[in-house]
Amino acid sequence: MTTGTAGATRPCRRCPSSEDRSLEAVRAAVREQLSWEVDLASDADRDARLDLCRRCPDLAAHTCRRCGCYVEFRASLLDKRCPRGSW
């Protein structure tokens, strides 16, 4: 995790701050990456996971501070788990 401007933290040094990306840009990036994946969670499971993520103190805009993933991407993958153990 790195510290950016004004003391903000970013989970990944190589990635631009996800806070700088619009929701539409994040969703487009997630859709593109998911198009390559084969083991996806059901829509119901993904939505339940995202509901938990939205209430998590480690959520930074669209990104999990613990793992650095876009939460929408991680929650959509069948074999992924929450780094906090919430799902």
PDB file of N, CA and C in Angstrom:
ATOM      1  N   MET A   1       0.854  -1.176   0.000  1.00  0.00           N
ATOM      2  CA  MET A   1       0.000   0.000   0.000  1.00  0.00           C
ATOM      3  C   MET A   1       0.893   1.230   0.000  1.00  0.00           C
ATOM      4  N   THR A   2       0.550   2.196  -0.785  1.00  0.00           N
ATOM      5  CA  THR A   2       1.356   3.401  -0.878  1.00  0.00           C
ATOM      6  C   THR A   2       0.538   4.600  -0.460  1.00  0.00           C
ATOM      7  N   THR A   3       1.248   5.650  -0.108  1.00  0.00           N
ATOM      8  CA  THR A   3       0.577   6.882   0.269  1.00  0.00           C
ATOM      9  C   THR A   3       0.658   7.843  -0.894  1.00  0.00           C
ATOM     10  N   GLY A   4      -0.491   8.368  -1.279  1.00  0.00           N
ATOM     11  CA  GLY A   4      -0.555   9.317  -2.381  1.00  0.00           C
ATOM     12  C   GLY A   4      -0.652  10.728  -1.858  1.00  0.00           C
ATOM     13  N   THR A   5      -1.279  11.585  -2.619  1.00  0.00           N
ATOM     14  CA  THR A   5      -1.420  12.971  -2.230  1.00  0.00           C
ATOM     15  C   THR A   5      -2.352  13.105  -1.047  1.00  0.00           C
ATOM     16  N   ALA A   6      -2.114  14.062  -0.231  1.00  0.00           N
ATOM     17  CA  ALA A   6      -2.940  14.384   0.940  1.00  0.00           C
ATOM     18  C   ALA A   6      -3.091  13.203   1.894  1.00  0.00           C
ATOM     19  N   GLY A   7      -2.069  12.298   1.914  1.00  0.00           N
ATOM     20  CA  GLY A   7      -2.082  11.201   2.864  1.00  0.00           C
ATOM     21  C   GLY A   7      -3.015  10.060   2.504  1.00  0.00           C
ATOM     22  N   ALA A   8      -3.634  10.091   1.338  1.00  0.00           N
ATOM     23  CA  ALA A   8      -4.516   9.006   0.922  1.00  0.00           C
ATOM     24  C   ALA A   8      -3.690   7.768   0.628  1.00  0.00           C
ATOM     25  N   THR A   9      -4.235   6.603   0.882  1.00  0.00           N
ATOM     26  CA  THR A   9      -3.516   5.373   0.612  1.00  0.00           C
ATOM     27  C   THR A   9      -4.096   4.676  -0.603  1.00  0.00           C
ATOM     28  N   ARG A  10      -3.208   4.019  -1.343  1.00  0.00           N
ATOM     29  CA  ARG A  10      -3.612   3.234  -2.498  1.00  0.00           C
ATOM     30  C   ARG A  10      -3.127   1.814  -2.274  1.00  0.00           C
ATOM     31  N   PRO A  11      -3.941   0.830  -2.604  1.00  0.00           N
ATOM     32  CA  PRO A  11      -3.523  -0.553  -2.368  1.00  0.00           C
ATOM     33  C   PRO A  11      -2.452  -1.055  -3.305  1.00  0.00           C
ATOM     34  N   CYS A  12      -2.234  -0.430  -4.433  1.00  0.00           N
ATOM     35  CA  CYS A  12      -1.279  -0.951  -5.410  1.00  0.00           C
ATOM     36  C   CYS A  12      -0.436   0.189  -5.974  1.00  0.00           C
ATOM     37  N   ARG A  13       0.856   0.033  -5.949  1.00  0.00           N
ATOM     38  CA  ARG A  13       1.756   1.074  -6.458  1.00  0.00           C
ATOM     39  C   ARG A  13       1.674   1.223  -7.967  1.00  0.00           C
ATOM     40  N   ARG A  14       1.445   0.118  -8.670  1.00  0.00           N
ATOM     41  CA  ARG A  14       1.464   0.144 -10.125  1.00  0.00           C
ATOM     42  C   ARG A  14       0.176   0.672 -10.730  1.00  0.00           C
ATOM     43  N   CYS A  15      -0.906   0.629  -9.978  1.00  0.00           N
ATOM     44  CA  CYS A  15      -2.211   1.004 -10.524  1.00  0.00           C
ATOM     45  C   CYS A  15      -2.532   2.457 -10.199  1.00  0.00           C
ATOM     46  N   PRO A  16      -3.214   3.127 -11.103  1.00  0.00           N
ATOM     47  CA  PRO A  16      -3.671   4.483 -10.774  1.00  0.00           C
ATOM     48  C   PRO A  16      -4.703   4.399  -9.655  1.00  0.00           C
ATOM     49  N   SER A  17      -4.830   5.435  -8.920  1.00  0.00           N
ATOM     50  CA  SER A  17      -5.814   5.454  -7.844  1.00  0.00           C
ATOM     51  C   SER A  17      -7.196   5.198  -8.413  1.00  0.00           C
ATOM     52  N   SER A  18      -7.882   4.186  -7.890  1.00  0.00           N
ATOM     53  CA  SER A  18      -9.214   3.863  -8.400  1.00  0.00           C
ATOM     54  C   SER A  18     -10.203   4.965  -8.065  1.00  0.00           C
ATOM     55  N   GLU A  19      -9.889   5.779  -7.084  1.00  0.00           N
ATOM     56  CA  GLU A  19     -10.756   6.903  -6.749  1.00  0.00           C
ATOM     57  C   GLU A  19     -10.820   7.909  -7.894  1.00  0.00           C
ATOM     58  N   ASP A  20      -9.803   7.894  -8.758  1.00  0.00           N
ATOM     59  CA  ASP A  20      -9.752   8.813  -9.881  1.00  0.00           C
ATOM     60  C   ASP A  20     -10.605   8.358 -11.055  1.00  0.00           C
ATOM     61  N   ARG A  21     -11.063   7.116 -11.039  1.00  0.00           N
ATOM     62  CA  ARG A  21     -11.836   6.568 -12.145  1.00  0.00           C
ATOM     63  C   ARG A  21     -13.325   6.688 -11.848  1.00  0.00           C
ATOM     64  N   SER A  22     -14.074   7.005 -12.870  1.00  0.00           N
ATOM     65  CA  SER A  22     -15.519   7.097 -12.706  1.00  0.00           C
ATOM     66  C   SER A  22     -16.111   5.700 -12.552  1.00  0.00           C
ATOM     67  N   LEU A  23     -17.319   5.639 -12.009  1.00  0.00           N
ATOM     68  CA  LEU A  23     -18.001   4.368 -11.859  1.00  0.00           C
ATOM     69  C   LEU A  23     -18.173   3.691 -13.220  1.00  0.00           C
ATOM     70  N   GLU A  24     -18.474   4.465 -14.236  1.00  0.00           N
ATOM     71  CA  GLU A  24     -18.651   3.899 -15.572  1.00  0.00           C
ATOM     72  C   GLU A  24     -17.343   3.299 -16.096  1.00  0.00           C
ATOM     73  N   ALA A  25     -16.230   3.975 -15.859  1.00  0.00           N
ATOM     74  CA  ALA A  25     -14.934   3.466 -16.298  1.00  0.00           C
ATOM     75  C   ALA A  25     -14.567   2.185 -15.558  1.00  0.00           C
ATOM     76  N   VAL A  26     -14.858   2.137 -14.277  1.00  0.00           N
ATOM     77  CA  VAL A  26     -14.580   0.937 -13.488  1.00  0.00           C
ATOM     78  C   VAL A  26     -15.432  -0.217 -13.994  1.00  0.00           C
ATOM     79  N   ARG A  27     -16.718   0.033 -14.186  1.00  0.00           N
ATOM     80  CA  ARG A  27     -17.612  -1.040 -14.667  1.00  0.00           C
ATOM     81  C   ARG A  27     -17.186  -1.544 -16.037  1.00  0.00           C
ATOM     82  N   ALA A  28     -16.741  -0.648 -16.908  1.00  0.00           N
ATOM     83  CA  ALA A  28     -16.269  -1.072 -18.229  1.00  0.00           C
ATOM     84  C   ALA A  28     -15.031  -1.957 -18.097  1.00  0.00           C
ATOM     85  N   ALA A  29     -14.108  -1.578 -17.233  1.00  0.00           N
ATOM     86  CA  ALA A  29     -12.900  -2.379 -17.019  1.00  0.00           C
ATOM     87  C   ALA A  29     -13.247  -3.746 -16.431  1.00  0.00           C
ATOM     88  N   VAL A  30     -14.185  -3.767 -15.490  1.00  0.00           N
ATOM     89  CA  VAL A  30     -14.604  -5.027 -14.877  1.00  0.00           C
ATOM     90  C   VAL A  30     -15.287  -5.919 -15.917  1.00  0.00           C
ATOM     91  N   ARG A  31     -16.193  -5.360 -16.708  1.00  0.00           N
ATOM     92  CA  ARG A  31     -16.878  -6.144 -17.748  1.00  0.00           C
ATOM     93  C   ARG A  31     -15.877  -6.753 -18.727  1.00  0.00           C
ATOM     94  N   GLU A  32     -14.895  -5.959 -19.122  1.00  0.00           N
ATOM     95  CA  GLU A  32     -13.884  -6.460 -20.053  1.00  0.00           C
ATOM     96  C   GLU A  32     -13.118  -7.630 -19.453  1.00  0.00           C
ATOM     97  N   GLN A  33     -12.674  -7.480 -18.233  1.00  0.00           N
ATOM     98  CA  GLN A  33     -11.913  -8.558 -17.599  1.00  0.00           C
ATOM     99  C   GLN A  33     -12.781  -9.784 -17.356  1.00  0.00           C
ATOM    100  N   LEU A  34     -14.030  -9.588 -16.946  1.00  0.00           N
ATOM    101  CA  LEU A  34     -14.917 -10.727 -16.692  1.00  0.00           C
ATOM    102  C   LEU A  34     -15.230 -11.499 -17.964  1.00  0.00           C
ATOM    103  N   SER A  35     -15.123 -10.849 -19.112  1.00  0.00           N
ATOM    104  CA  SER A  35     -15.399 -11.549 -20.370  1.00  0.00           C
ATOM    105  C   SER A  35     -14.391 -12.672 -20.616  1.00  0.00           C
ATOM    106  N   TRP A  36     -13.255 -12.622 -19.942  1.00  0.00           N
ATOM    107  CA  TRP A  36     -12.229 -13.652 -20.082  1.00  0.00           C
ATOM    108  C   TRP A  36     -12.354 -14.753 -19.033  1.00  0.00           C
ATOM    109  N   GLU A  37     -13.181 -14.542 -18.040  1.00  0.00           N
ATOM    110  CA  GLU A  37     -13.311 -15.492 -16.934  1.00  0.00           C
ATOM    111  C   GLU A  37     -14.387 -16.531 -17.238  1.00  0.00           C
ATOM    112  N   VAL A  38     -14.211 -17.742 -16.699  1.00  0.00           N
ATOM    113  CA  VAL A  38     -15.199 -18.798 -16.932  1.00  0.00           C
ATOM    114  C   VAL A  38     -15.957 -19.187 -15.670  1.00  0.00           C
ATOM    115  N   ASP A  39     -15.358 -19.071 -14.519  1.00  0.00           N
ATOM    116  CA  ASP A  39     -16.000 -19.473 -13.266  1.00  0.00           C
ATOM    117  C   ASP A  39     -16.547 -18.255 -12.539  1.00  0.00           C
ATOM    118  N   LEU A  40     -17.753 -17.858 -12.926  1.00  0.00           N
ATOM    119  CA  LEU A  40     -18.378 -16.673 -12.345  1.00  0.00           C
ATOM    120  C   LEU A  40     -19.404 -17.067 -11.283  1.00  0.00           C
ATOM    121  N   ALA A  41     -19.505 -16.241 -10.271  1.00  0.00           N
ATOM    122  CA  ALA A  41     -20.532 -16.419  -9.248  1.00  0.00           C
ATOM    123  C   ALA A  41     -21.891 -16.102  -9.864  1.00  0.00           C
ATOM    124  N   SER A  42     -22.935 -16.648  -9.269  1.00  0.00           N
ATOM    125  CA  SER A  42     -24.280 -16.322  -9.741  1.00  0.00           C
ATOM    126  C   SER A  42     -24.544 -14.843  -9.472  1.00  0.00           C
ATOM    127  N   ASP A  43     -25.499 -14.276 -10.178  1.00  0.00           N
ATOM    128  CA  ASP A  43     -25.864 -12.874  -9.958  1.00  0.00           C
ATOM    129  C   ASP A  43     -26.281 -12.649  -8.512  1.00  0.00           C
ATOM    130  N   ALA A  44     -27.029 -13.586  -7.939  1.00  0.00           N
ATOM    131  CA  ALA A  44     -27.490 -13.448  -6.551  1.00  0.00           C
ATOM    132  C   ALA A  44     -26.314 -13.453  -5.582  1.00  0.00           C
ATOM    133  N   ASP A  45     -25.364 -14.360  -5.784  1.00  0.00           N
ATOM    134  CA  ASP A  45     -24.182 -14.412  -4.910  1.00  0.00           C
ATOM    135  C   ASP A  45     -23.351 -13.146  -5.046  1.00  0.00           C
ATOM    136  N   ARG A  46     -23.137 -12.708  -6.299  1.00  0.00           N
ATOM    137  CA  ARG A  46     -22.374 -11.481  -6.520  1.00  0.00           C
ATOM    138  C   ARG A  46     -23.032 -10.293  -5.828  1.00  0.00           C
ATOM    139  N   ASP A  47     -24.344 -10.163  -5.980  1.00  0.00           N
ATOM    140  CA  ASP A  47     -25.058  -9.042  -5.370  1.00  0.00           C
ATOM    141  C   ASP A  47     -24.994  -9.085  -3.848  1.00  0.00           C
ATOM    142  N   ALA A  48     -25.099 -10.272  -3.266  1.00  0.00           N
ATOM    143  CA  ALA A  48     -24.995 -10.410  -1.807  1.00  0.00           C
ATOM    144  C   ALA A  48     -23.595 -10.031  -1.332  1.00  0.00           C
ATOM    145  N   ARG A  49     -22.583 -10.437  -2.069  1.00  0.00           N
ATOM    146  CA  ARG A  49     -21.203 -10.081  -1.723  1.00  0.00           C
ATOM    147  C   ARG A  49     -20.999  -8.565  -1.802  1.00  0.00           C
ATOM    148  N   LEU A  50     -21.485  -7.969  -2.890  1.00  0.00           N
ATOM    149  CA  LEU A  50     -21.325  -6.525  -3.058  1.00  0.00           C
ATOM    150  C   LEU A  50     -22.052  -5.748  -1.971  1.00  0.00           C
ATOM    151  N   ASP A  51     -23.181  -6.267  -1.510  1.00  0.00           N
ATOM    152  CA  ASP A  51     -23.905  -5.615  -0.419  1.00  0.00           C
ATOM    153  C   ASP A  51     -23.037  -5.575   0.835  1.00  0.00           C
ATOM    154  N   LEU A  52     -22.341  -6.657   1.121  1.00  0.00           N
ATOM    155  CA  LEU A  52     -21.417  -6.682   2.263  1.00  0.00           C
ATOM    156  C   LEU A  52     -20.241  -5.741   2.037  1.00  0.00           C
ATOM    157  N   CYS A  53     -19.734  -5.706   0.821  1.00  0.00           N
ATOM    158  CA  CYS A  53     -18.609  -4.819   0.504  1.00  0.00           C
ATOM    159  C   CYS A  53     -18.982  -3.353   0.706  1.00  0.00           C
ATOM    160  N   ARG A  54     -20.191  -2.990   0.328  1.00  0.00           N
ATOM    161  CA  ARG A  54     -20.624  -1.584   0.452  1.00  0.00           C
ATOM    162  C   ARG A  54     -20.634  -1.110   1.900  1.00  0.00           C
ATOM    163  N   ARG A  55     -20.778  -2.037   2.842  1.00  0.00           N
ATOM    164  CA  ARG A  55     -20.802  -1.685   4.267  1.00  0.00           C
ATOM    165  C   ARG A  55     -19.450  -1.861   4.944  1.00  0.00           C
ATOM    166  N   CYS A  56     -18.445  -2.253   4.191  1.00  0.00           N
ATOM    167  CA  CYS A  56     -17.132  -2.563   4.754  1.00  0.00           C
ATOM    168  C   CYS A  56     -16.288  -1.302   4.943  1.00  0.00           C
ATOM    169  N   PRO A  57     -15.593  -1.183   6.077  1.00  0.00           N
ATOM    170  CA  PRO A  57     -14.715  -0.025   6.290  1.00  0.00           C
ATOM    171  C   PRO A  57     -13.475  -0.033   5.394  1.00  0.00           C
ATOM    172  N   ASP A  58     -13.169  -1.172   4.774  1.00  0.00           N
ATOM    173  CA  ASP A  58     -12.011  -1.255   3.880  1.00  0.00           C
ATOM    174  C   ASP A  58     -12.347  -0.911   2.433  1.00  0.00           C
ATOM    175  N   LEU A  59     -13.578  -0.508   2.157  1.00  0.00           N
ATOM    176  CA  LEU A  59     -13.956  -0.117   0.803  1.00  0.00           C
ATOM    177  C   LEU A  59     -13.494   1.313   0.550  1.00  0.00           C
ATOM    178  N   ALA A  60     -12.748   1.487  -0.534  1.00  0.00           N
ATOM    179  CA  ALA A  60     -12.284   2.812  -0.957  1.00  0.00           C
ATOM    180  C   ALA A  60     -12.838   3.045  -2.354  1.00  0.00           C
ATOM    181  N   ALA A  61     -13.928   3.767  -2.450  1.00  0.00           N
ATOM    182  CA  ALA A  61     -14.611   3.989  -3.738  1.00  0.00           C
ATOM    183  C   ALA A  61     -14.965   2.646  -4.343  1.00  0.00           C
ATOM    184  N   HIS A  62     -14.216   2.178  -5.328  1.00  0.00           N
ATOM    185  CA  HIS A  62     -14.520   0.941  -6.035  1.00  0.00           C
ATOM    186  C   HIS A  62     -13.565  -0.193  -5.656  1.00  0.00           C
ATOM    187  N   THR A  63     -12.622   0.077  -4.776  1.00  0.00           N
ATOM    188  CA  THR A  63     -11.506  -0.823  -4.514  1.00  0.00           C
ATOM    189  C   THR A  63     -11.464  -1.287  -3.063  1.00  0.00           C
ATOM    190  N   CYS A  64     -11.064  -2.545  -2.885  1.00  0.00           N
ATOM    191  CA  CYS A  64     -10.828  -3.082  -1.546  1.00  0.00           C
ATOM    192  C   CYS A  64      -9.426  -2.673  -1.102  1.00  0.00           C
ATOM    193  N   ARG A  65      -9.325  -2.048   0.050  1.00  0.00           N
ATOM    194  CA  ARG A  65      -8.014  -1.637   0.562  1.00  0.00           C
ATOM    195  C   ARG A  65      -7.160  -2.823   0.989  1.00  0.00           C
ATOM    196  N   ARG A  66      -7.788  -3.942   1.312  1.00  0.00           N
ATOM    197  CA  ARG A  66      -7.033  -5.115   1.763  1.00  0.00           C
ATOM    198  C   ARG A  66      -6.323  -5.830   0.618  1.00  0.00           C
ATOM    199  N   CYS A  67      -7.022  -6.018  -0.504  1.00  0.00           N
ATOM    200  CA  CYS A  67      -6.425  -6.806  -1.591  1.00  0.00           C
ATOM    201  C   CYS A  67      -6.098  -5.980  -2.831  1.00  0.00           C
ATOM    202  N   GLY A  68      -6.694  -4.790  -2.950  1.00  0.00           N
ATOM    203  CA  GLY A  68      -6.426  -3.940  -4.098  1.00  0.00           C
ATOM    204  C   GLY A  68      -7.324  -4.190  -5.296  1.00  0.00           C
ATOM    205  N   CYS A  69      -8.218  -5.167  -5.201  1.00  0.00           N
ATOM    206  CA  CYS A  69      -9.112  -5.494  -6.318  1.00  0.00           C
ATOM    207  C   CYS A  69     -10.277  -4.523  -6.398  1.00  0.00           C
ATOM    208  N   TYR A  70     -10.798  -4.378  -7.614  1.00  0.00           N
ATOM    209  CA  TYR A  70     -12.107  -3.748  -7.740  1.00  0.00           C
ATOM    210  C   TYR A  70     -13.095  -4.722  -7.109  1.00  0.00           C
ATOM    211  N   VAL A  71     -13.896  -4.248  -6.166  1.00  0.00           N
ATOM    212  CA  VAL A  71     -14.795  -5.155  -5.451  1.00  0.00           C
ATOM    213  C   VAL A  71     -15.794  -5.816  -6.392  1.00  0.00           C
ATOM    214  N   GLU A  72     -16.242  -5.109  -7.415  1.00  0.00           N
ATOM    215  CA  GLU A  72     -17.196  -5.709  -8.352  1.00  0.00           C
ATOM    216  C   GLU A  72     -16.571  -6.888  -9.102  1.00  0.00           C
ATOM    217  N   PHE A  73     -15.292  -6.783  -9.417  1.00  0.00           N
ATOM    218  CA  PHE A  73     -14.598  -7.878 -10.093  1.00  0.00           C
ATOM    219  C   PHE A  73     -14.429  -9.071  -9.162  1.00  0.00           C
ATOM    220  N   ARG A  74     -13.879  -8.835  -7.989  1.00  0.00           N
ATOM    221  CA  ARG A  74     -13.621  -9.934  -7.050  1.00  0.00           C
ATOM    222  C   ARG A  74     -14.909 -10.632  -6.641  1.00  0.00           C
ATOM    223  N   ALA A  75     -15.960  -9.866  -6.391  1.00  0.00           N
ATOM    224  CA  ALA A  75     -17.233 -10.447  -5.972  1.00  0.00           C
ATOM    225  C   ALA A  75     -17.881 -11.264  -7.086  1.00  0.00           C
ATOM    226  N   SER A  76     -17.490 -11.034  -8.322  1.00  0.00           N
ATOM    227  CA  SER A  76     -18.066 -11.748  -9.464  1.00  0.00           C
ATOM    228  C   SER A  76     -17.407 -13.090  -9.731  1.00  0.00           C
ATOM    229  N   LEU A  77     -16.269 -13.341  -9.129  1.00  0.00           N
ATOM    230  CA  LEU A  77     -15.533 -14.582  -9.378  1.00  0.00           C
ATOM    231  C   LEU A  77     -15.912 -15.650  -8.361  1.00  0.00           C
ATOM    232  N   LEU A  78     -16.270 -16.811  -8.868  1.00  0.00           N
ATOM    233  CA  LEU A  78     -16.771 -17.898  -8.032  1.00  0.00           C
ATOM    234  C   LEU A  78     -15.783 -18.322  -6.951  1.00  0.00           C
ATOM    235  N   ASP A  79     -14.508 -18.427  -7.279  1.00  0.00           N
ATOM    236  CA  ASP A  79     -13.523 -18.977  -6.341  1.00  0.00           C
ATOM    237  C   ASP A  79     -12.830 -17.944  -5.455  1.00  0.00           C
ATOM    238  N   LYS A  80     -13.179 -16.679  -5.584  1.00  0.00           N
ATOM    239  CA  LYS A  80     -12.546 -15.657  -4.745  1.00  0.00           C
ATOM    240  C   LYS A  80     -13.280 -15.522  -3.417  1.00  0.00           C
ATOM    241  N   ARG A  81     -12.561 -15.074  -2.424  1.00  0.00           N
ATOM    242  CA  ARG A  81     -13.117 -14.841  -1.090  1.00  0.00           C
ATOM    243  C   ARG A  81     -12.741 -13.434  -0.640  1.00  0.00           C
ATOM    244  N   CYS A  82     -13.502 -12.911   0.274  1.00  0.00           N
ATOM    245  CA  CYS A  82     -13.217 -11.622   0.870  1.00  0.00           C
ATOM    246  C   CYS A  82     -11.960 -11.736   1.732  1.00  0.00           C
ATOM    247  N   PRO A  83     -11.023 -10.797   1.604  1.00  0.00           N
ATOM    248  CA  PRO A  83      -9.814 -10.880   2.436  1.00  0.00           C
ATOM    249  C   PRO A  83     -10.083 -10.680   3.922  1.00  0.00           C
ATOM    250  N   ARG A  84     -11.234 -10.117   4.256  1.00  0.00           N
ATOM    251  CA  ARG A  84     -11.630  -9.975   5.666  1.00  0.00           C
ATOM    252  C   ARG A  84     -12.414 -11.173   6.166  1.00  0.00           C
ATOM    253  N   GLY A  85     -12.806 -12.058   5.245  1.00  0.00           N
ATOM    254  CA  GLY A  85     -13.606 -13.226   5.608  1.00  0.00           C
ATOM    255  C   GLY A  85     -15.097 -12.949   5.698  1.00  0.00           C
ATOM    256  N   SER A  86     -15.542 -11.834   5.142  1.00  0.00           N
ATOM    257  CA  SER A  86     -16.960 -11.463   5.214  1.00  0.00           C
ATOM    258  C   SER A  86     -17.830 -12.303   4.282  1.00  0.00           C
ATOM    259  N   TRP A  87     -17.246 -12.841   3.221  1.00  0.00           N
ATOM    260  CA  TRP A  87     -17.975 -13.727   2.312  1.00  0.00           C
ATOM    261  C   TRP A  87     -17.033 -14.739   1.687  1.00  0.00           C
TER     262      TRP A  87
END
